[in-house]
PDB file of N, CA and C in Angstrom:
ATOM      1  N   MET A   1       0.839  -1.185   0.000  1.00  0.00           N
ATOM      2  CA  MET A   1       0.000   0.000   0.000  1.00  0.00           C
ATOM      3  C   MET A   1       0.880   1.243   0.000  1.00  0.00           C
ATOM      4  N   VAL A   2       0.602   2.151  -0.880  1.00  0.00           N
ATOM      5  CA  VAL A   2       1.365   3.383  -0.983  1.00  0.00           C
ATOM      6  C   VAL A   2       0.789   4.394   0.004  1.00  0.00           C
ATOM      7  N   ASN A   3       1.651   4.989   0.803  1.00  0.00           N
ATOM      8  CA  ASN A   3       1.211   5.985   1.776  1.00  0.00           C
ATOM      9  C   ASN A   3       1.459   7.369   1.194  1.00  0.00           C
ATOM     10  N   LYS A   4       0.508   7.872   0.396  1.00  0.00           N
ATOM     11  CA  LYS A   4       0.641   9.178  -0.223  1.00  0.00           C
ATOM     12  C   LYS A   4      -0.611   9.991   0.077  1.00  0.00           C
ATOM     13  N   ASN A   5      -0.400  11.208   0.472  1.00  0.00           N
ATOM     14  CA  ASN A   5      -1.537  12.098   0.689  1.00  0.00           C
ATOM     15  C   ASN A   5      -2.109  12.533  -0.652  1.00  0.00           C
ATOM     16  N   PHE A   6      -3.404  12.675  -0.710  1.00  0.00           N
ATOM     17  CA  PHE A   6      -4.085  13.198  -1.887  1.00  0.00           C
ATOM     18  C   PHE A   6      -4.345  14.665  -1.596  1.00  0.00           C
ATOM     19  N   THR A   7      -3.603  15.546  -2.239  1.00  0.00           N
ATOM     20  CA  THR A   7      -3.612  16.966  -1.902  1.00  0.00           C
ATOM     21  C   THR A   7      -4.639  17.755  -2.716  1.00  0.00           C
ATOM     22  N   ARG A   8      -4.814  19.008  -2.327  1.00  0.00           N
ATOM     23  CA  ARG A   8      -5.673  19.920  -3.082  1.00  0.00           C
ATOM     24  C   ARG A   8      -5.174  20.035  -4.519  1.00  0.00           C
ATOM     25  N   LYS A   9      -3.861  20.076  -4.664  1.00  0.00           N
ATOM     26  CA  LYS A   9      -3.269  20.198  -5.999  1.00  0.00           C
ATOM     27  C   LYS A   9      -3.557  18.950  -6.839  1.00  0.00           C
ATOM     28  N   ASP A  10      -3.480  17.766  -6.225  1.00  0.00           N
ATOM     29  CA  ASP A  10      -3.812  16.525  -6.935  1.00  0.00           C
ATOM     30  C   ASP A  10      -5.258  16.563  -7.430  1.00  0.00           C
ATOM     31  N   LEU A  11      -6.154  17.008  -6.570  1.00  0.00           N
ATOM     32  CA  LEU A  11      -7.566  17.082  -6.930  1.00  0.00           C
ATOM     33  C   LEU A  11      -7.795  18.100  -8.048  1.00  0.00           C
ATOM     34  N   SER A  12      -7.160  19.258  -7.944  1.00  0.00           N
ATOM     35  CA  SER A  12      -7.330  20.272  -8.991  1.00  0.00           C
ATOM     36  C   SER A  12      -6.730  19.796 -10.315  1.00  0.00           C
ATOM     37  N   ASN A  13      -5.637  19.019 -10.270  1.00  0.00           N
ATOM     38  CA  ASN A  13      -5.061  18.461 -11.499  1.00  0.00           C
ATOM     39  C   ASN A  13      -6.008  17.455 -12.147  1.00  0.00           C
ATOM     40  N   LYS A  14      -6.734  16.677 -11.329  1.00  0.00           N
ATOM     41  CA  LYS A  14      -7.731  15.738 -11.879  1.00  0.00           C
ATOM     42  C   LYS A  14      -8.844  16.508 -12.593  1.00  0.00           C
ATOM     43  N   ILE A  15      -9.290  17.598 -11.994  1.00  0.00           N
ATOM     44  CA  ILE A  15     -10.322  18.429 -12.621  1.00  0.00           C
ATOM     45  C   ILE A  15      -9.785  19.017 -13.923  1.00  0.00           C
ATOM     46  N   TYR A  16      -8.561  19.498 -13.880  1.00  0.00           N
ATOM     47  CA  TYR A  16      -7.914  20.076 -15.063  1.00  0.00           C
ATOM     48  C   TYR A  16      -7.840  19.056 -16.200  1.00  0.00           C
ATOM     49  N   LYS A  17      -7.402  17.839 -15.895  1.00  0.00           N
ATOM     50  CA  LYS A  17      -7.230  16.803 -16.924  1.00  0.00           C
ATOM     51  C   LYS A  17      -8.561  16.221 -17.403  1.00  0.00           C
ATOM     52  N   ASN A  18      -9.495  15.976 -16.478  1.00  0.00           N
ATOM     53  CA  ASN A  18     -10.750  15.306 -16.837  1.00  0.00           C
ATOM     54  C   ASN A  18     -11.816  16.238 -17.405  1.00  0.00           C
ATOM     55  N   ILE A  19     -11.843  17.474 -16.934  1.00  0.00           N
ATOM     56  CA  ILE A  19     -12.905  18.384 -17.360  1.00  0.00           C
ATOM     57  C   ILE A  19     -12.387  19.424 -18.348  1.00  0.00           C
ATOM     58  N   GLY A  20     -11.128  19.804 -18.194  1.00  0.00           N
ATOM     59  CA  GLY A  20     -10.539  20.738 -19.144  1.00  0.00           C
ATOM     60  C   GLY A  20     -10.505  22.187 -18.697  1.00  0.00           C
ATOM     61  N   PHE A  21     -10.892  22.456 -17.453  1.00  0.00           N
ATOM     62  CA  PHE A  21     -10.746  23.821 -16.953  1.00  0.00           C
ATOM     63  C   PHE A  21      -9.262  24.138 -16.801  1.00  0.00           C
ATOM     64  N   SER A  22      -8.928  25.417 -16.767  1.00  0.00           N
ATOM     65  CA  SER A  22      -7.530  25.798 -16.553  1.00  0.00           C
ATOM     66  C   SER A  22      -7.102  25.362 -15.152  1.00  0.00           C
ATOM     67  N   LYS A  23      -5.790  25.280 -14.943  1.00  0.00           N
ATOM     68  CA  LYS A  23      -5.287  24.873 -13.624  1.00  0.00           C
ATOM     69  C   LYS A  23      -5.714  25.864 -12.551  1.00  0.00           C
ATOM     70  N   ASN A  24      -5.710  27.137 -12.893  1.00  0.00           N
ATOM     71  CA  ASN A  24      -6.088  28.179 -11.943  1.00  0.00           C
ATOM     72  C   ASN A  24      -7.563  28.050 -11.550  1.00  0.00           C
ATOM     73  N   ILE A  25      -8.427  27.870 -12.534  1.00  0.00           N
ATOM     74  CA  ILE A  25      -9.865  27.706 -12.269  1.00  0.00           C
ATOM     75  C   ILE A  25     -10.110  26.419 -11.487  1.00  0.00           C
ATOM     76  N   SER A  26      -9.409  25.349 -11.852  1.00  0.00           N
ATOM     77  CA  SER A  26      -9.568  24.064 -11.157  1.00  0.00           C
ATOM     78  C   SER A  26      -9.224  24.190  -9.682  1.00  0.00           C
ATOM     79  N   LEU A  27      -8.149  24.894  -9.364  1.00  0.00           N
ATOM     80  CA  LEU A  27      -7.756  25.088  -7.967  1.00  0.00           C
ATOM     81  C   LEU A  27      -8.792  25.935  -7.230  1.00  0.00           C
ATOM     82  N   LYS A  28      -9.345  26.942  -7.901  1.00  0.00           N
ATOM     83  CA  LYS A  28     -10.387  27.770  -7.284  1.00  0.00           C
ATOM     84  C   LYS A  28     -11.635  26.939  -6.989  1.00  0.00           C
ATOM     85  N   ILE A  29     -11.974  26.013  -7.880  1.00  0.00           N
ATOM     86  CA  ILE A  29     -13.128  25.130  -7.662  1.00  0.00           C
ATOM     87  C   ILE A  29     -12.904  24.280  -6.417  1.00  0.00           C
ATOM     88  N   VAL A  30     -11.713  23.697  -6.309  1.00  0.00           N
ATOM     89  CA  VAL A  30     -11.383  22.853  -5.152  1.00  0.00           C
ATOM     90  C   VAL A  30     -11.436  23.669  -3.863  1.00  0.00           C
ATOM     91  N   ASP A  31     -10.805  24.836  -3.871  1.00  0.00           N
ATOM     92  CA  ASP A  31     -10.800  25.684  -2.674  1.00  0.00           C
ATOM     93  C   ASP A  31     -12.217  26.093  -2.278  1.00  0.00           C
ATOM     94  N   ASN A  32     -13.032  26.456  -3.265  1.00  0.00           N
ATOM     95  CA  ASN A  32     -14.406  26.857  -2.991  1.00  0.00           C
ATOM     96  C   ASN A  32     -15.225  25.691  -2.455  1.00  0.00           C
ATOM     97  N   PHE A  33     -14.999  24.496  -2.998  1.00  0.00           N
ATOM     98  CA  PHE A  33     -15.696  23.299  -2.531  1.00  0.00           C
ATOM     99  C   PHE A  33     -15.410  23.053  -1.051  1.00  0.00           C
ATOM    100  N   PHE A  34     -14.128  23.048  -0.679  1.00  0.00           N
ATOM    101  CA  PHE A  34     -13.780  22.782   0.716  1.00  0.00           C
ATOM    102  C   PHE A  34     -14.264  23.893   1.645  1.00  0.00           C
ATOM    103  N   GLU A  35     -14.185  25.129   1.196  1.00  0.00           N
ATOM    104  CA  GLU A  35     -14.674  26.239   2.014  1.00  0.00           C
ATOM    105  C   GLU A  35     -16.184  26.114   2.231  1.00  0.00           C
ATOM    106  N   SER A  36     -16.904  25.685   1.205  1.00  0.00           N
ATOM    107  CA  SER A  36     -18.354  25.484   1.323  1.00  0.00           C
ATOM    108  C   SER A  36     -18.680  24.378   2.320  1.00  0.00           C
ATOM    109  N   ILE A  37     -17.913  23.297   2.288  1.00  0.00           N
ATOM    110  CA  ILE A  37     -18.114  22.181   3.226  1.00  0.00           C
ATOM    111  C   ILE A  37     -17.876  22.665   4.660  1.00  0.00           C
ATOM    112  N   ILE A  38     -16.767  23.356   4.875  1.00  0.00           N
ATOM    113  CA  ILE A  38     -16.418  23.844   6.216  1.00  0.00           C
ATOM    114  C   ILE A  38     -17.501  24.791   6.736  1.00  0.00           C
ATOM    115  N   THR A  39     -17.925  25.722   5.900  1.00  0.00           N
ATOM    116  CA  THR A  39     -18.956  26.682   6.301  1.00  0.00           C
ATOM    117  C   THR A  39     -20.260  25.968   6.658  1.00  0.00           C
ATOM    118  N   ALA A  40     -20.648  24.989   5.854  1.00  0.00           N
ATOM    119  CA  ALA A  40     -21.891  24.249   6.112  1.00  0.00           C
ATOM    120  C   ALA A  40     -21.812  23.459   7.414  1.00  0.00           C
ATOM    121  N   ILE A  41     -20.671  22.843   7.689  1.00  0.00           N
ATOM    122  CA  ILE A  41     -20.516  22.080   8.937  1.00  0.00           C
ATOM    123  C   ILE A  41     -20.604  23.007  10.140  1.00  0.00           C
ATOM    124  N   ILE A  42     -19.941  24.153  10.058  1.00  0.00           N
ATOM    125  CA  ILE A  42     -19.960  25.110  11.171  1.00  0.00           C
ATOM    126  C   ILE A  42     -21.383  25.628  11.411  1.00  0.00           C
ATOM    127  N   LYS A  43     -22.121  25.914  10.339  1.00  0.00           N
ATOM    128  CA  LYS A  43     -23.479  26.449  10.477  1.00  0.00           C
ATOM    129  C   LYS A  43     -24.465  25.429  11.034  1.00  0.00           C
ATOM    130  N   SER A  44     -24.408  24.200  10.539  1.00  0.00           N
ATOM    131  CA  SER A  44     -25.458  23.246  10.897  1.00  0.00           C
ATOM    132  C   SER A  44     -24.998  22.099  11.786  1.00  0.00           C
ATOM    133  N   ASN A  45     -23.707  22.025  12.103  1.00  0.00           N
ATOM    134  CA  ASN A  45     -23.122  20.961  12.928  1.00  0.00           C
ATOM    135  C   ASN A  45     -23.141  19.585  12.268  1.00  0.00           C
ATOM    136  N   LYS A  46     -23.785  19.464  11.103  1.00  0.00           N
ATOM    137  CA  LYS A  46     -23.845  18.160  10.440  1.00  0.00           C
ATOM    138  C   LYS A  46     -24.221  18.357   8.981  1.00  0.00           C
ATOM    139  N   ILE A  47     -23.481  17.710   8.079  1.00  0.00           N
ATOM    140  CA  ILE A  47     -23.872  17.728   6.672  1.00  0.00           C
ATOM    141  C   ILE A  47     -23.742  16.322   6.101  1.00  0.00           C
ATOM    142  N   LYS A  48     -24.633  16.021   5.182  1.00  0.00           N
ATOM    143  CA  LYS A  48     -24.621  14.715   4.527  1.00  0.00           C
ATOM    144  C   LYS A  48     -24.390  14.928   3.043  1.00  0.00           C
ATOM    145  N   ILE A  49     -23.396  14.231   2.510  1.00  0.00           N
ATOM    146  CA  ILE A  49     -23.138  14.243   1.078  1.00  0.00           C
ATOM    147  C   ILE A  49     -23.527  12.858   0.572  1.00  0.00           C
ATOM    148  N   THR A  50     -24.590  12.801  -0.201  1.00  0.00           N
ATOM    149  CA  THR A  50     -25.128  11.530  -0.677  1.00  0.00           C
ATOM    150  C   THR A  50     -24.057  10.707  -1.385  1.00  0.00           C
ATOM    151  N   SER A  51     -24.033   9.428  -1.102  1.00  0.00           N
ATOM    152  CA  SER A  51     -23.091   8.445  -1.665  1.00  0.00           C
ATOM    153  C   SER A  51     -21.648   8.661  -1.218  1.00  0.00           C
ATOM    154  N   PHE A  52     -21.425   9.597  -0.316  1.00  0.00           N
ATOM    155  CA  PHE A  52     -20.078   9.824   0.213  1.00  0.00           C
ATOM    156  C   PHE A  52     -20.048   9.609   1.716  1.00  0.00           C
ATOM    157  N   GLY A  53     -20.806  10.428   2.453  1.00  0.00           N
ATOM    158  CA  GLY A  53     -20.839  10.261   3.893  1.00  0.00           C
ATOM    159  C   GLY A  53     -21.370  11.479   4.614  1.00  0.00           C
ATOM    160  N   THR A  54     -21.299  11.407   5.942  1.00  0.00           N
ATOM    161  CA  THR A  54     -21.809  12.466   6.808  1.00  0.00           C
ATOM    162  C   THR A  54     -20.685  13.008   7.674  1.00  0.00           C
ATOM    163  N   PHE A  55     -20.565  14.331   7.689  1.00  0.00           N
ATOM    164  CA  PHE A  55     -19.630  15.019   8.564  1.00  0.00           C
ATOM    165  C   PHE A  55     -20.440  15.626   9.698  1.00  0.00           C
ATOM    166  N   SER A  56     -19.979  15.456  10.927  1.00  0.00           N
ATOM    167  CA  SER A  56     -20.675  16.060  12.061  1.00  0.00           C
ATOM    168  C   SER A  56     -19.658  16.549  13.083  1.00  0.00           C
ATOM    169  N   ILE A  57     -20.097  17.499  13.890  1.00  0.00           N
ATOM    170  CA  ILE A  57     -19.237  18.058  14.934  1.00  0.00           C
ATOM    171  C   ILE A  57     -19.574  17.381  16.253  1.00  0.00           C
ATOM    172  N   LEU A  58     -18.550  16.918  16.946  1.00  0.00           N
ATOM    173  CA  LEU A  58     -18.705  16.345  18.280  1.00  0.00           C
ATOM    174  C   LEU A  58     -18.028  17.269  19.279  1.00  0.00           C
ATOM    175  N   ASN A  59     -18.645  17.433  20.437  1.00  0.00           N
ATOM    176  CA  ASN A  59     -18.047  18.222  21.506  1.00  0.00           C
ATOM    177  C   ASN A  59     -17.343  17.282  22.471  1.00  0.00           C
ATOM    178  N   LYS A  60     -16.037  17.412  22.553  1.00  0.00           N
ATOM    179  CA  LYS A  60     -15.249  16.588  23.476  1.00  0.00           C
ATOM    180  C   LYS A  60     -15.169  17.320  24.810  1.00  0.00           C
ATOM    181  N   LYS A  61     -15.394  16.595  25.887  1.00  0.00           N
ATOM    182  CA  LYS A  61     -15.335  17.189  27.218  1.00  0.00           C
ATOM    183  C   LYS A  61     -13.887  17.348  27.674  1.00  0.00           C
ATOM    184  N   GLU A  62     -13.715  18.251  28.615  1.00  0.00           N
ATOM    185  CA  GLU A  62     -12.402  18.430  29.238  1.00  0.00           C
ATOM    186  C   GLU A  62     -12.055  17.167  30.023  1.00  0.00           C
ATOM    187  N   ARG A  63     -10.786  16.795  29.986  1.00  0.00           N
ATOM    188  CA  ARG A  63     -10.364  15.596  30.717  1.00  0.00           C
ATOM    189  C   ARG A  63      -8.887  15.691  31.064  1.00  0.00           C
ATOM    190  N   ILE A  64      -8.452  14.771  31.883  1.00  0.00           N
ATOM    191  CA  ILE A  64      -7.040  14.683  32.248  1.00  0.00           C
ATOM    192  C   ILE A  64      -6.391  13.634  31.350  1.00  0.00           C
ATOM    193  N   GLY A  65      -5.304  14.018  30.705  1.00  0.00           N
ATOM    194  CA  GLY A  65      -4.554  13.095  29.860  1.00  0.00           C
ATOM    195  C   GLY A  65      -3.193  12.835  30.474  1.00  0.00           C
ATOM    196  N   ARG A  66      -2.446  11.980  29.834  1.00  0.00           N
ATOM    197  CA  ARG A  66      -1.125  11.631  30.355  1.00  0.00           C
ATOM    198  C   ARG A  66      -0.139  11.580  29.196  1.00  0.00           C
ATOM    199  N   ASN A  67       1.020  12.200  29.396  1.00  0.00           N
ATOM    200  CA  ASN A  67       2.095  12.122  28.419  1.00  0.00           C
ATOM    201  C   ASN A  67       2.621  10.689  28.437  1.00  0.00           C
ATOM    202  N   PRO A  68       2.551   9.965  27.309  1.00  0.00           N
ATOM    203  CA  PRO A  68       2.957   8.558  27.323  1.00  0.00           C
ATOM    204  C   PRO A  68       4.448   8.342  27.595  1.00  0.00           C
ATOM    205  N   LYS A  69       5.273   9.321  27.281  1.00  0.00           N
ATOM    206  CA  LYS A  69       6.717   9.170  27.507  1.00  0.00           C
ATOM    207  C   LYS A  69       7.105   9.439  28.954  1.00  0.00           C
ATOM    208  N   THR A  70       6.540  10.520  29.517  1.00  0.00           N
ATOM    209  CA  THR A  70       6.961  10.930  30.861  1.00  0.00           C
ATOM    210  C   THR A  70       5.986  10.509  31.950  1.00  0.00           C
ATOM    211  N   GLY A  71       4.748  10.240  31.579  1.00  0.00           N
ATOM    212  CA  GLY A  71       3.740   9.881  32.569  1.00  0.00           C
ATOM    213  C   GLY A  71       3.137  11.083  33.274  1.00  0.00           C
ATOM    214  N   VAL A  72       3.542  12.292  32.894  1.00  0.00           N
ATOM    215  CA  VAL A  72       3.045  13.510  33.529  1.00  0.00           C
ATOM    216  C   VAL A  72       1.609  13.768  33.075  1.00  0.00           C
ATOM    217  N   GLU A  73       0.748  14.040  34.052  1.00  0.00           N
ATOM    218  CA  GLU A  73      -0.642  14.346  33.733  1.00  0.00           C
ATOM    219  C   GLU A  73      -0.755  15.761  33.183  1.00  0.00           C
ATOM    220  N   ALA A  74      -1.683  15.936  32.252  1.00  0.00           N
ATOM    221  CA  ALA A  74      -1.916  17.252  31.660  1.00  0.00           C
ATOM    222  C   ALA A  74      -3.405  17.406  31.391  1.00  0.00           C
ATOM    223  N   LYS A  75      -3.875  18.631  31.517  1.00  0.00           N
ATOM    224  CA  LYS A  75      -5.283  18.921  31.271  1.00  0.00           C
ATOM    225  C   LYS A  75      -5.507  19.029  29.761  1.00  0.00           C
ATOM    226  N   ILE A  76      -6.489  18.293  29.259  1.00  0.00           N
ATOM    227  CA  ILE A  76      -6.889  18.400  27.862  1.00  0.00           C
ATOM    228  C   ILE A  76      -8.207  19.164  27.858  1.00  0.00           C
ATOM    229  N   PHE A  77      -8.189  20.342  27.282  1.00  0.00           N
ATOM    230  CA  PHE A  77      -9.339  21.229  27.316  1.00  0.00           C
ATOM    231  C   PHE A  77     -10.465  20.712  26.420  1.00  0.00           C
ATOM    232  N   SER A  78     -11.682  21.150  26.720  1.00  0.00           N
ATOM    233  CA  SER A  78     -12.824  20.775  25.881  1.00  0.00           C
ATOM    234  C   SER A  78     -12.612  21.376  24.495  1.00  0.00           C
ATOM    235  N   ARG A  79     -13.117  20.673  23.492  1.00  0.00           N
ATOM    236  CA  ARG A  79     -12.904  21.124  22.127  1.00  0.00           C
ATOM    237  C   ARG A  79     -13.939  20.482  21.213  1.00  0.00           C
ATOM    238  N   LYS A  80     -14.009  21.001  20.007  1.00  0.00           N
ATOM    239  CA  LYS A  80     -14.881  20.431  18.987  1.00  0.00           C
ATOM    240  C   LYS A  80     -14.013  19.648  18.008  1.00  0.00           C
ATOM    241  N   VAL A  81     -14.534  18.493  17.574  1.00  0.00           N
ATOM    242  CA  VAL A  81     -13.838  17.683  16.576  1.00  0.00           C
ATOM    243  C   VAL A  81     -14.830  17.304  15.480  1.00  0.00           C
ATOM    244  N   VAL A  82     -14.304  17.021  14.307  1.00  0.00           N
ATOM    245  CA  VAL A  82     -15.149  16.615  13.190  1.00  0.00           C
ATOM    246  C   VAL A  82     -15.111  15.100  13.065  1.00  0.00           C
ATOM    247  N   LYS A  83     -16.297  14.515  12.964  1.00  0.00           N
ATOM    248  CA  LYS A  83     -16.432  13.068  12.790  1.00  0.00           C
ATOM    249  C   LYS A  83     -16.931  12.825  11.367  1.00  0.00           C
ATOM    250  N   PHE A  84     -16.388  11.799  10.722  1.00  0.00           N
ATOM    251  CA  PHE A  84     -16.850  11.420   9.390  1.00  0.00           C
ATOM    252  C   PHE A  84     -17.371   9.999   9.431  1.00  0.00           C
ATOM    253  N   LYS A  85     -18.591   9.813   8.944  1.00  0.00           N
ATOM    254  CA  LYS A  85     -19.173   8.473   8.839  1.00  0.00           C
ATOM    255  C   LYS A  85     -19.433   8.214   7.359  1.00  0.00           C
ATOM    256  N   PRO A  86     -18.713   7.258   6.769  1.00  0.00           N
ATOM    257  CA  PRO A  86     -18.897   6.997   5.338  1.00  0.00           C
ATOM    258  C   PRO A  86     -20.277   6.417   5.031  1.00  0.00           C
ATOM    259  N   ALA A  87     -20.788   6.747   3.854  1.00  0.00           N
ATOM    260  CA  ALA A  87     -22.067   6.202   3.393  1.00  0.00           C
ATOM    261  C   ALA A  87     -21.905   4.719   3.078  1.00  0.00           C
ATOM    262  N   LEU A  88     -23.010   4.009   3.062  1.00  0.00           N
ATOM    263  CA  LEU A  88     -22.985   2.577   2.778  1.00  0.00           C
ATOM    264  C   LEU A  88     -22.355   2.293   1.412  1.00  0.00           C
ATOM    265  N   SER A  89     -22.687   3.108   0.405  1.00  0.00           N
ATOM    266  CA  SER A  89     -22.115   2.901  -0.931  1.00  0.00           C
ATOM    267  C   SER A  89     -20.601   3.108  -0.919  1.00  0.00           C
ATOM    268  N   PHE A  90     -20.123   4.036  -0.099  1.00  0.00           N
ATOM    269  CA  PHE A  90     -18.684   4.274   0.067  1.00  0.00           C
ATOM    270  C   PHE A  90     -18.031   3.033   0.668  1.00  0.00           C
ATOM    271  N   LYS A  91     -18.647   2.485   1.719  1.00  0.00           N
ATOM    272  CA  LYS A  91     -18.107   1.291   2.381  1.00  0.00           C
ATOM    273  C   LYS A  91     -18.063   0.102   1.429  1.00  0.00           C
ATOM    274  N   LYS A  92     -19.112  -0.043   0.612  1.00  0.00           N
ATOM    275  CA  LYS A  92     -19.152  -1.157  -0.339  1.00  0.00           C
ATOM    276  C   LYS A  92     -18.021  -1.051  -1.357  1.00  0.00           C
ATOM    277  N   LYS A  93     -17.788   0.154  -1.867  1.00  0.00           N
ATOM    278  CA  LYS A  93     -16.689   0.353  -2.823  1.00  0.00           C
ATOM    279  C   LYS A  93     -15.346   0.077  -2.166  1.00  0.00           C
ATOM    280  N   LEU A  94     -15.209   0.486  -0.926  1.00  0.00           N
ATOM    281  CA  LEU A  94     -13.969   0.285  -0.188  1.00  0.00           C
ATOM    282  C   LEU A  94     -13.678  -1.200   0.002  1.00  0.00           C
ATOM    283  N   ASN A  95     -14.689  -1.967   0.368  1.00  0.00           N
ATOM    284  CA  ASN A  95     -14.507  -3.389   0.644  1.00  0.00           C
ATOM    285  C   ASN A  95     -14.550  -4.262  -0.606  1.00  0.00           C
ATOM    286  N   LYS A  96     -14.981  -3.703  -1.715  1.00  0.00           N
ATOM    287  CA  LYS A  96     -15.039  -4.429  -2.976  1.00  0.00           C
ATOM    288  C   LYS A  96     -13.632  -4.783  -3.480  1.00  0.00           C
ATOM    289  N   ASN A  97     -12.646  -3.970  -3.132  1.00  0.00           N
ATOM    290  CA  ASN A  97     -11.276  -4.154  -3.618  1.00  0.00           C
ATOM    291  C   ASN A  97     -10.481  -5.169  -2.820  1.00  0.00           C
ATOM    292  N   GLU A  98     -11.071  -5.780  -1.813  1.00  0.00           N
ATOM    293  CA  GLU A  98     -10.327  -6.739  -0.985  1.00  0.00           C
ATOM    294  C   GLU A  98     -10.287  -8.094  -1.625  1.00  0.00           C
TER     295      GLU A  98
END
């Protein structure tokens, strides 16, 4: 298995090659897409993209953590995290390649 990140530039190059938009326009499309997703998640706390999955915000409570190297306890403050749950069709495609 190759451990390579799929970057914004990789995605914009796919748009450039497959659709034919200029590289500059393709990158703007990618940036606008991600900005739209982020804005929608922040506004509604949950968004569903059909055949892809659902993004939702979870509120993590404050807790005490421990540094695994030193064993020193440290306070981990409450925070928001994004959870992704893949759609059933996504899972089927993922497991089809096994």
